[in-house]
N, C-alpha and C. Protein backbone atom coordinates (compact mmCIF):
# COMPACT_ATOMS: atom_id res chain seq x y z
N MET A 1 100.66 107.85 95.73
CA MET A 1 101.97 107.44 95.30
C MET A 1 101.89 106.62 94.00
N ARG A 2 100.94 105.69 94.01
CA ARG A 2 100.79 104.89 92.80
C ARG A 2 100.50 105.75 91.62
N HIS A 3 99.69 106.78 91.82
CA HIS A 3 99.30 107.67 90.70
C HIS A 3 100.61 108.36 90.15
N LEU A 4 101.47 108.81 91.01
CA LEU A 4 102.69 109.51 90.57
C LEU A 4 103.55 108.53 89.76
N ILE A 5 103.63 107.29 90.22
CA ILE A 5 104.48 106.28 89.54
C ILE A 5 103.82 105.85 88.27
N ARG A 6 102.56 105.48 88.30
CA ARG A 6 101.87 104.97 87.13
C ARG A 6 101.87 105.98 85.97
N ASN A 7 101.68 107.21 86.32
CA ASN A 7 101.61 108.25 85.23
C ASN A 7 102.93 108.97 85.03
N LYS A 8 103.99 108.48 85.67
CA LYS A 8 105.36 109.03 85.50
C LYS A 8 105.37 110.54 85.69
N LEU A 9 104.70 110.98 86.74
CA LEU A 9 104.60 112.46 86.96
C LEU A 9 105.90 113.06 87.47
N LEU A 10 106.79 112.23 88.02
CA LEU A 10 108.06 112.76 88.49
C LEU A 10 109.08 112.87 87.39
N ASP A 11 108.86 112.27 86.26
CA ASP A 11 109.77 112.37 85.12
C ASP A 11 110.04 113.79 84.68
N PRO A 12 109.01 114.57 84.39
CA PRO A 12 109.28 115.98 84.00
C PRO A 12 109.95 116.81 85.09
N VAL A 13 109.65 116.50 86.31
CA VAL A 13 110.27 117.26 87.44
C VAL A 13 111.74 116.91 87.50
N MET A 14 112.09 115.67 87.42
CA MET A 14 113.50 115.26 87.47
C MET A 14 114.22 115.74 86.24
N GLY A 15 113.54 115.70 85.05
CA GLY A 15 114.10 116.19 83.83
C GLY A 15 114.46 117.64 83.94
N ALA A 16 113.58 118.42 84.54
CA ALA A 16 113.81 119.87 84.72
C ALA A 16 115.04 120.08 85.60
N LEU A 17 115.19 119.27 86.67
CA LEU A 17 116.35 119.41 87.49
C LEU A 17 117.64 119.16 86.75
N PHE A 18 117.68 118.06 86.00
CA PHE A 18 118.87 117.70 85.24
C PHE A 18 119.14 118.72 84.16
N ASP A 19 118.13 119.24 83.52
CA ASP A 19 118.31 120.25 82.48
C ASP A 19 118.79 121.59 83.04
N ASN A 20 118.41 121.82 84.29
CA ASN A 20 118.75 123.07 84.95
C ASN A 20 120.29 123.16 85.23
N GLY A 21 120.91 121.99 85.34
CA GLY A 21 122.36 121.96 85.59
C GLY A 21 122.65 122.33 87.04
N GLU A 22 123.76 123.00 87.21
CA GLU A 22 124.21 123.37 88.58
C GLU A 22 123.78 124.75 89.00
N ARG A 23 122.84 125.30 88.24
CA ARG A 23 122.33 126.63 88.63
C ARG A 23 121.54 126.53 89.94
N TYR A 24 121.85 127.41 90.86
CA TYR A 24 121.17 127.41 92.15
C TYR A 24 120.01 128.40 92.06
N ASN A 25 118.84 127.87 91.90
CA ASN A 25 117.61 128.71 91.82
C ASN A 25 116.45 128.05 92.47
N LEU A 26 115.28 128.64 92.37
CA LEU A 26 114.11 128.11 93.00
C LEU A 26 113.75 126.74 92.55
N LEU A 27 113.82 126.49 91.23
CA LEU A 27 113.48 125.19 90.66
C LEU A 27 114.39 124.14 91.28
N ASN A 28 115.66 124.38 91.32
CA ASN A 28 116.66 123.46 91.92
C ASN A 28 116.33 123.16 93.42
N SER A 29 116.06 124.22 94.15
CA SER A 29 115.76 124.07 95.57
C SER A 29 114.48 123.29 95.77
N ALA A 30 113.45 123.50 94.98
CA ALA A 30 112.17 122.87 95.16
C ALA A 30 112.30 121.37 94.90
N VAL A 31 112.99 120.98 93.82
CA VAL A 31 113.15 119.57 93.47
C VAL A 31 113.99 118.87 94.53
N LEU A 32 115.06 119.54 94.97
CA LEU A 32 115.89 118.91 96.03
C LEU A 32 115.10 118.71 97.31
N GLU A 33 114.26 119.66 97.65
CA GLU A 33 113.46 119.63 98.82
C GLU A 33 112.42 118.45 98.68
N LEU A 34 111.85 118.25 97.52
CA LEU A 34 110.93 117.15 97.25
C LEU A 34 111.60 115.82 97.46
N VAL A 35 112.77 115.69 96.87
CA VAL A 35 113.52 114.42 96.99
C VAL A 35 113.95 114.17 98.44
N GLU A 36 114.36 115.24 99.12
CA GLU A 36 114.77 115.08 100.51
C GLU A 36 113.57 114.66 101.37
N PHE A 37 112.40 115.16 101.08
CA PHE A 37 111.15 114.82 101.82
C PHE A 37 110.86 113.34 101.57
N ILE A 38 110.94 112.86 100.36
CA ILE A 38 110.69 111.48 100.01
C ILE A 38 111.64 110.60 100.78
N ARG A 39 112.92 110.99 100.85
CA ARG A 39 113.90 110.21 101.58
C ARG A 39 113.69 110.18 103.07
N LYS A 40 113.40 111.36 103.64
CA LYS A 40 113.26 111.44 105.12
C LYS A 40 112.00 110.73 105.54
N GLU A 41 110.96 110.77 104.78
CA GLU A 41 109.71 110.14 105.12
C GLU A 41 109.73 108.62 104.75
N ASN A 42 110.78 108.24 104.06
CA ASN A 42 110.99 106.83 103.68
C ASN A 42 109.84 106.29 102.87
N ILE A 43 109.46 107.03 101.85
CA ILE A 43 108.35 106.59 100.95
C ILE A 43 108.98 105.60 99.95
N LYS A 44 108.93 104.37 100.34
CA LYS A 44 109.71 103.31 99.61
C LYS A 44 109.38 103.20 98.14
N SER A 45 108.08 103.32 97.80
CA SER A 45 107.71 103.15 96.43
C SER A 45 108.34 104.28 95.53
N LEU A 46 108.33 105.54 96.07
CA LEU A 46 108.91 106.62 95.29
C LEU A 46 110.46 106.57 95.35
N ILE A 47 111.01 106.10 96.42
CA ILE A 47 112.50 105.98 96.47
C ILE A 47 112.89 104.94 95.40
N GLU A 48 112.21 103.81 95.37
CA GLU A 48 112.55 102.78 94.38
C GLU A 48 112.37 103.34 92.99
N TYR A 49 111.26 104.06 92.72
CA TYR A 49 111.00 104.61 91.37
C TYR A 49 112.15 105.53 90.97
N LEU A 50 112.53 106.48 91.88
CA LEU A 50 113.54 107.46 91.54
C LEU A 50 114.87 106.84 91.28
N VAL A 51 115.26 105.89 92.14
CA VAL A 51 116.60 105.28 91.99
C VAL A 51 116.64 104.45 90.74
N GLN A 52 115.57 103.68 90.48
CA GLN A 52 115.58 102.80 89.30
C GLN A 52 115.52 103.59 88.01
N ASN A 53 114.84 104.71 88.01
CA ASN A 53 114.67 105.47 86.75
C ASN A 53 115.75 106.55 86.53
N PHE A 54 116.28 107.07 87.64
CA PHE A 54 117.18 108.21 87.51
C PHE A 54 118.53 108.01 88.24
N GLY A 55 118.74 106.81 88.73
CA GLY A 55 119.93 106.53 89.53
C GLY A 55 121.22 106.88 88.83
N GLU A 56 121.31 106.58 87.55
CA GLU A 56 122.52 106.85 86.79
C GLU A 56 122.78 108.37 86.66
N ARG A 57 121.71 109.11 86.62
CA ARG A 57 121.83 110.56 86.43
C ARG A 57 122.10 111.30 87.73
N PHE A 58 121.90 110.65 88.86
CA PHE A 58 122.14 111.26 90.18
C PHE A 58 123.54 111.74 90.34
N ALA A 59 124.47 111.10 89.65
CA ALA A 59 125.91 111.51 89.73
C ALA A 59 126.10 112.91 89.17
N GLU A 60 125.18 113.35 88.30
CA GLU A 60 125.28 114.71 87.70
C GLU A 60 125.11 115.80 88.79
N VAL A 61 124.40 115.44 89.85
CA VAL A 61 124.12 116.39 90.92
C VAL A 61 124.99 116.07 92.11
N ALA A 62 126.27 116.39 91.97
CA ALA A 62 127.29 116.05 92.99
C ALA A 62 127.43 117.14 94.06
N TYR A 63 126.79 118.26 93.88
CA TYR A 63 126.97 119.38 94.82
C TYR A 63 126.10 119.23 96.10
N VAL A 64 125.23 118.23 96.16
CA VAL A 64 124.48 117.94 97.40
C VAL A 64 124.53 116.40 97.63
N ASP A 65 124.33 116.01 98.84
CA ASP A 65 124.37 114.59 99.16
C ASP A 65 122.99 113.94 99.08
N THR A 66 121.98 114.69 98.76
CA THR A 66 120.60 114.17 98.74
C THR A 66 120.46 112.85 97.93
N PHE A 67 120.97 112.84 96.76
CA PHE A 67 120.82 111.68 95.88
C PHE A 67 121.66 110.50 96.36
N LYS A 68 122.81 110.73 96.90
CA LYS A 68 123.63 109.68 97.47
C LYS A 68 122.90 109.05 98.64
N GLN A 69 122.28 109.87 99.45
CA GLN A 69 121.59 109.35 100.63
C GLN A 69 120.34 108.63 100.17
N LEU A 70 119.70 109.07 99.10
CA LEU A 70 118.50 108.40 98.59
C LEU A 70 118.90 107.01 98.10
N GLN A 71 120.01 106.88 97.39
CA GLN A 71 120.48 105.58 96.88
C GLN A 71 120.84 104.70 98.05
N LEU A 72 121.47 105.27 99.07
CA LEU A 72 121.82 104.48 100.29
C LEU A 72 120.54 103.96 100.94
N LYS A 73 119.55 104.78 101.07
CA LYS A 73 118.26 104.40 101.68
C LYS A 73 117.64 103.23 100.91
N TRP A 74 117.75 103.32 99.56
CA TRP A 74 117.18 102.27 98.69
C TRP A 74 117.94 100.97 98.87
N GLU A 75 119.25 101.07 98.93
CA GLU A 75 120.07 99.84 99.13
C GLU A 75 119.75 99.20 100.48
N GLN A 76 119.63 100.02 101.54
CA GLN A 76 119.29 99.50 102.82
C GLN A 76 117.92 98.79 102.82
N SER A 77 117.00 99.41 102.10
CA SER A 77 115.65 98.82 101.99
C SER A 77 115.69 97.46 101.30
N LYS A 78 116.48 97.39 100.21
CA LYS A 78 116.65 96.13 99.49
C LYS A 78 117.25 95.08 100.39
N GLU A 79 118.33 95.44 101.12
CA GLU A 79 118.97 94.51 102.03
C GLU A 79 118.05 94.00 103.14
N ALA A 80 117.24 94.91 103.66
CA ALA A 80 116.29 94.52 104.74
C ALA A 80 115.23 93.59 104.18
N ALA A 81 114.79 93.83 102.94
CA ALA A 81 113.78 92.96 102.31
C ALA A 81 114.36 91.57 102.04
N ALA A 82 115.64 91.59 101.61
CA ALA A 82 116.29 90.31 101.30
C ALA A 82 116.53 89.51 102.61
N ALA A 83 116.85 90.23 103.66
CA ALA A 83 117.04 89.54 104.96
C ALA A 83 115.76 88.98 105.49
N ALA A 84 114.63 89.75 105.32
CA ALA A 84 113.35 89.28 105.74
C ALA A 84 112.89 88.11 104.94
N ALA A 85 113.17 88.11 103.65
CA ALA A 85 112.81 87.02 102.80
C ALA A 85 113.64 85.76 103.09
N GLY A 86 114.91 85.98 103.50
CA GLY A 86 115.82 84.90 103.81
C GLY A 86 115.59 84.34 105.24
N GLY A 87 114.81 85.09 106.04
CA GLY A 87 114.52 84.64 107.39
C GLY A 87 115.68 84.84 108.33
N SER A 88 116.56 85.78 108.01
CA SER A 88 117.74 86.02 108.87
C SER A 88 117.34 87.03 109.94
N ASP A 89 117.23 86.51 111.19
CA ASP A 89 116.86 87.39 112.32
C ASP A 89 117.98 88.36 112.66
N ALA A 90 119.21 87.95 112.48
CA ALA A 90 120.33 88.81 112.83
C ALA A 90 120.39 90.00 111.86
N ALA A 91 120.15 89.76 110.63
CA ALA A 91 120.21 90.84 109.64
C ALA A 91 118.99 91.82 109.84
N ALA A 92 117.83 91.26 110.19
CA ALA A 92 116.70 92.09 110.42
C ALA A 92 116.95 92.96 111.64
N GLY A 93 117.55 92.39 112.68
CA GLY A 93 117.83 93.18 113.85
C GLY A 93 118.84 94.28 113.60
N ALA A 94 119.84 93.99 112.74
CA ALA A 94 120.80 94.99 112.36
C ALA A 94 120.11 96.11 111.57
N ALA A 95 119.13 95.80 110.74
CA ALA A 95 118.40 96.83 110.01
C ALA A 95 117.60 97.70 110.94
N GLN A 96 117.03 97.10 111.98
CA GLN A 96 116.26 97.88 112.97
C GLN A 96 117.20 98.75 113.79
N ASP A 97 118.41 98.23 114.11
CA ASP A 97 119.35 99.02 114.86
C ASP A 97 119.82 100.25 114.06
N SER A 98 120.04 100.06 112.76
CA SER A 98 120.48 101.17 111.93
C SER A 98 119.30 102.16 111.78
N ALA A 99 118.07 101.72 111.77
CA ALA A 99 116.92 102.65 111.67
C ALA A 99 116.84 103.46 112.97
N GLY A 100 117.09 102.79 114.08
CA GLY A 100 117.06 103.50 115.34
C GLY A 100 118.16 104.55 115.42
N ALA A 101 119.30 104.21 114.93
CA ALA A 101 120.41 105.16 114.96
C ALA A 101 120.18 106.32 114.07
N ALA A 102 119.34 106.14 113.06
CA ALA A 102 118.99 107.22 112.13
C ALA A 102 117.96 108.19 112.66
N GLY A 103 117.52 107.91 113.84
CA GLY A 103 116.53 108.89 114.42
C GLY A 103 115.20 108.28 114.75
N GLY A 104 115.08 106.97 114.76
CA GLY A 104 113.80 106.35 115.12
C GLY A 104 112.91 106.12 113.95
N VAL A 105 111.69 105.97 114.22
CA VAL A 105 110.68 105.61 113.24
C VAL A 105 110.58 106.74 112.24
N GLY A 106 110.78 106.43 110.92
CA GLY A 106 110.62 107.40 109.89
C GLY A 106 111.61 108.57 110.01
N GLY A 107 112.69 108.42 110.75
CA GLY A 107 113.69 109.43 110.89
C GLY A 107 113.24 110.53 111.90
N ARG A 108 112.17 110.30 112.62
CA ARG A 108 111.73 111.31 113.59
C ARG A 108 112.40 111.09 114.93
N LEU A 109 112.70 112.15 115.56
CA LEU A 109 113.38 112.10 116.89
C LEU A 109 112.33 112.29 117.98
N TYR A 110 111.74 111.24 118.37
CA TYR A 110 110.70 111.33 119.43
C TYR A 110 111.29 111.70 120.79
N SER A 111 112.49 111.27 121.08
CA SER A 111 113.05 111.55 122.39
C SER A 111 113.22 113.08 122.63
N SER A 112 113.57 113.82 121.56
CA SER A 112 113.74 115.26 121.71
C SER A 112 112.40 115.91 121.97
N ARG A 113 111.33 115.37 121.43
CA ARG A 113 109.99 115.94 121.65
C ARG A 113 109.59 115.74 123.11
N ARG A 114 109.94 114.58 123.65
CA ARG A 114 109.56 114.26 125.03
C ARG A 114 110.28 115.26 125.97
N ARG A 115 111.55 115.50 125.66
CA ARG A 115 112.33 116.42 126.54
C ARG A 115 111.75 117.81 126.49
N MET A 116 111.27 118.24 125.32
CA MET A 116 110.73 119.55 125.18
C MET A 116 109.45 119.72 126.01
N ARG A 117 108.66 118.65 126.04
CA ARG A 117 107.39 118.69 126.80
C ARG A 117 107.60 118.78 128.26
N ARG A 118 108.68 118.15 128.80
CA ARG A 118 108.94 118.19 130.21
C ARG A 118 109.39 119.55 130.69
N ASP A 119 110.05 120.28 129.82
CA ASP A 119 110.59 121.63 130.20
C ASP A 119 109.53 122.64 130.32
């Protein structure tokens, strides 16, 4: 992850997406899938990098919610970090509750896997 950020390897990828416009093609799908993976796996360093460097341009891609959700994930991460730094137990508990509502650890639904194993 540090290598991607340090060498700005996502810059040409995101630039290609923005240059591509609203055309629906393989390039568009691949970049959106990459960003969705980063969001779902909650790769904080890459989420922060993408939002800080391309957040203003995310509005150009309004035909999918991927970038809005990425920004929301980043804001939630910032709030959780601020709450942890402030020592607010209630805010930290609320952040954990919202993570649980989003599907558990890392967005994975472990309960559905358990049900499948029993059947």
